[in-house]
Amino acid sequence: MVEMVLKEISDVIVSGETVKLSSFGSFTVREKGLRVGRNPKTGKEVPIPPRRVAVFKPSNIMKQRINEGVGSEARSEEAAE
């Protein structure tokens, strides 16, 4: 069942549409243009061709859940020492 849902989400994203999952976030496709990059070994400039990339943007609810207790985790670790 999970694989079927993921396949459907993937198919929609590949077609260029946005997938929004309530209280979770949105998956979109972004177009990246031609740009110049650098080979890290040689330092030589190389062209990076245009491409499409998948982007995930978490919902405000998800961001809030991720950040809940961030400060309290550090404090509880210090107290345990």
C-alpha atoms as a PDB file:
ATOM      1  CA  MET A   1       0.000   0.000   0.000  1.00  0.00           C
ATOM      2  CA  VAL A   2       2.802   2.419   0.935  1.00  0.00           C
ATOM      3  CA  GLU A   3       4.646   1.597  -2.296  1.00  0.00           C
ATOM      4  CA  MET A   4       1.491   2.370  -4.297  1.00  0.00           C
ATOM      5  CA  VAL A   5       1.131   5.761  -2.607  1.00  0.00           C
ATOM      6  CA  LEU A   6       4.813   6.595  -3.166  1.00  0.00           C
ATOM      7  CA  LYS A   7       4.557   5.581  -6.832  1.00  0.00           C
ATOM      8  CA  GLU A   8       1.540   7.853  -7.303  1.00  0.00           C
ATOM      9  CA  ILE A   9       3.333  10.764  -5.628  1.00  0.00           C
ATOM     10  CA  SER A  10       6.421  10.137  -7.778  1.00  0.00           C
ATOM     11  CA  ASP A  11       4.380  10.016 -10.987  1.00  0.00           C
ATOM     12  CA  VAL A  12       2.699  13.338 -10.174  1.00  0.00           C
ATOM     13  CA  ILE A  13       6.008  15.024  -9.302  1.00  0.00           C
ATOM     14  CA  VAL A  14       7.645  13.737 -12.511  1.00  0.00           C
ATOM     15  CA  SER A  15       4.780  15.219 -14.525  1.00  0.00           C
ATOM     16  CA  GLY A  16       5.663  18.625 -13.041  1.00  0.00           C
ATOM     17  CA  GLU A  17       2.718  19.000 -10.678  1.00  0.00           C
ATOM     18  CA  THR A  18       2.917  19.888  -6.977  1.00  0.00           C
ATOM     19  CA  VAL A  19       2.006  17.297  -4.345  1.00  0.00           C
ATOM     20  CA  LYS A  20       0.741  18.722  -1.044  1.00  0.00           C
ATOM     21  CA  LEU A  21       0.397  16.501   2.011  1.00  0.00           C
ATOM     22  CA  SER A  22      -1.617  18.201   4.730  1.00  0.00           C
ATOM     23  CA  SER A  23       0.378  18.959   7.914  1.00  0.00           C
ATOM     24  CA  PHE A  24       3.489  17.441   6.296  1.00  0.00           C
ATOM     25  CA  GLY A  25       4.679  19.527   3.344  1.00  0.00           C
ATOM     26  CA  SER A  26       4.834  19.953  -0.429  1.00  0.00           C
ATOM     27  CA  PHE A  27       6.880  18.297  -3.139  1.00  0.00           C
ATOM     28  CA  THR A  28       7.536  20.350  -6.267  1.00  0.00           C
ATOM     29  CA  VAL A  29       9.803  20.302  -9.302  1.00  0.00           C
ATOM     30  CA  ARG A  30      12.127  23.240  -9.843  1.00  0.00           C
ATOM     31  CA  GLU A  31      13.913  24.100 -13.077  1.00  0.00           C
ATOM     32  CA  LYS A  32      17.600  24.923 -12.661  1.00  0.00           C
ATOM     33  CA  GLY A  33      19.273  26.785 -15.493  1.00  0.00           C
ATOM     34  CA  LEU A  34      22.712  26.421 -17.010  1.00  0.00           C
ATOM     35  CA  ARG A  35      25.426  27.474 -14.582  1.00  0.00           C
ATOM     36  CA  VAL A  36      29.165  27.274 -14.120  1.00  0.00           C
ATOM     37  CA  GLY A  37      30.588  25.040 -11.409  1.00  0.00           C
ATOM     38  CA  ARG A  38      34.071  24.014 -10.336  1.00  0.00           C
ATOM     39  CA  ASN A  39      35.764  20.644 -10.291  1.00  0.00           C
ATOM     40  CA  PRO A  40      36.824  20.334  -6.627  1.00  0.00           C
ATOM     41  CA  LYS A  41      39.990  18.383  -7.488  1.00  0.00           C
ATOM     42  CA  THR A  42      41.343  20.590 -10.263  1.00  0.00           C
ATOM     43  CA  GLY A  43      39.566  23.894  -9.627  1.00  0.00           C
ATOM     44  CA  LYS A  44      38.707  24.017 -13.335  1.00  0.00           C
ATOM     45  CA  GLU A  45      35.380  25.648 -14.265  1.00  0.00           C
ATOM     46  CA  VAL A  46      32.869  23.302 -15.914  1.00  0.00           C
ATOM     47  CA  PRO A  47      29.379  24.002 -17.266  1.00  0.00           C
ATOM     48  CA  ILE A  48      26.502  22.381 -15.387  1.00  0.00           C
ATOM     49  CA  PRO A  49      23.617  21.736 -17.796  1.00  0.00           C
ATOM     50  CA  PRO A  50      20.018  22.775 -17.074  1.00  0.00           C
ATOM     51  CA  ARG A  51      18.039  20.221 -15.089  1.00  0.00           C
ATOM     52  CA  ARG A  52      14.915  19.600 -13.080  1.00  0.00           C
ATOM     53  CA  VAL A  53      15.157  18.848  -9.357  1.00  0.00           C
ATOM     54  CA  ALA A  54      12.648  17.650  -6.793  1.00  0.00           C
ATOM     55  CA  VAL A  55      12.202  20.030  -3.852  1.00  0.00           C
ATOM     56  CA  PHE A  56      10.495  19.376  -0.515  1.00  0.00           C
ATOM     57  CA  LYS A  57       9.149  22.239   1.576  1.00  0.00           C
ATOM     58  CA  PRO A  58       7.916  21.239   5.043  1.00  0.00           C
ATOM     59  CA  SER A  59       4.642  22.700   6.278  1.00  0.00           C
ATOM     60  CA  ASN A  60       4.605  25.155   9.175  1.00  0.00           C
ATOM     61  CA  ILE A  61       3.087  22.424  11.342  1.00  0.00           C
ATOM     62  CA  MET A  62       5.990  20.081  10.506  1.00  0.00           C
ATOM     63  CA  LYS A  63       8.557  22.821  11.163  1.00  0.00           C
ATOM     64  CA  GLN A  64       6.955  23.503  14.534  1.00  0.00           C
ATOM     65  CA  ARG A  65       6.975  19.791  15.459  1.00  0.00           C
ATOM     66  CA  ILE A  66      10.632  19.470  14.451  1.00  0.00           C
ATOM     67  CA  ASN A  67      11.632  22.446  16.577  1.00  0.00           C
ATOM     68  CA  GLU A  68       9.575  21.575  19.669  1.00  0.00           C
ATOM     69  CA  GLY A  69      11.837  20.697  22.530  1.00  0.00           C
ATOM     70  CA  VAL A  70      15.094  21.518  20.717  1.00  0.00           C
ATOM     71  CA  GLY A  71      16.271  23.608  23.654  1.00  0.00           C
ATOM     72  CA  SER A  72      14.962  21.151  26.243  1.00  0.00           C
ATOM     73  CA  GLU A  73      16.919  18.244  24.669  1.00  0.00           C
ATOM     74  CA  ALA A  74      20.215  20.067  25.215  1.00  0.00           C
ATOM     75  CA  ARG A  75      19.234  20.930  28.794  1.00  0.00           C
ATOM     76  CA  SER A  76      18.227  17.339  29.620  1.00  0.00           C
ATOM     77  CA  GLU A  77      21.562  16.031  28.260  1.00  0.00           C
ATOM     78  CA  GLU A  78      23.470  18.490  30.451  1.00  0.00           C
ATOM     79  CA  ALA A  79      21.431  17.460  33.492  1.00  0.00           C
ATOM     80  CA  ALA A  80      22.218  13.784  32.853  1.00  0.00           C
ATOM     81  CA  GLU A  81      25.965  14.453  33.050  1.00  0.00           C
END
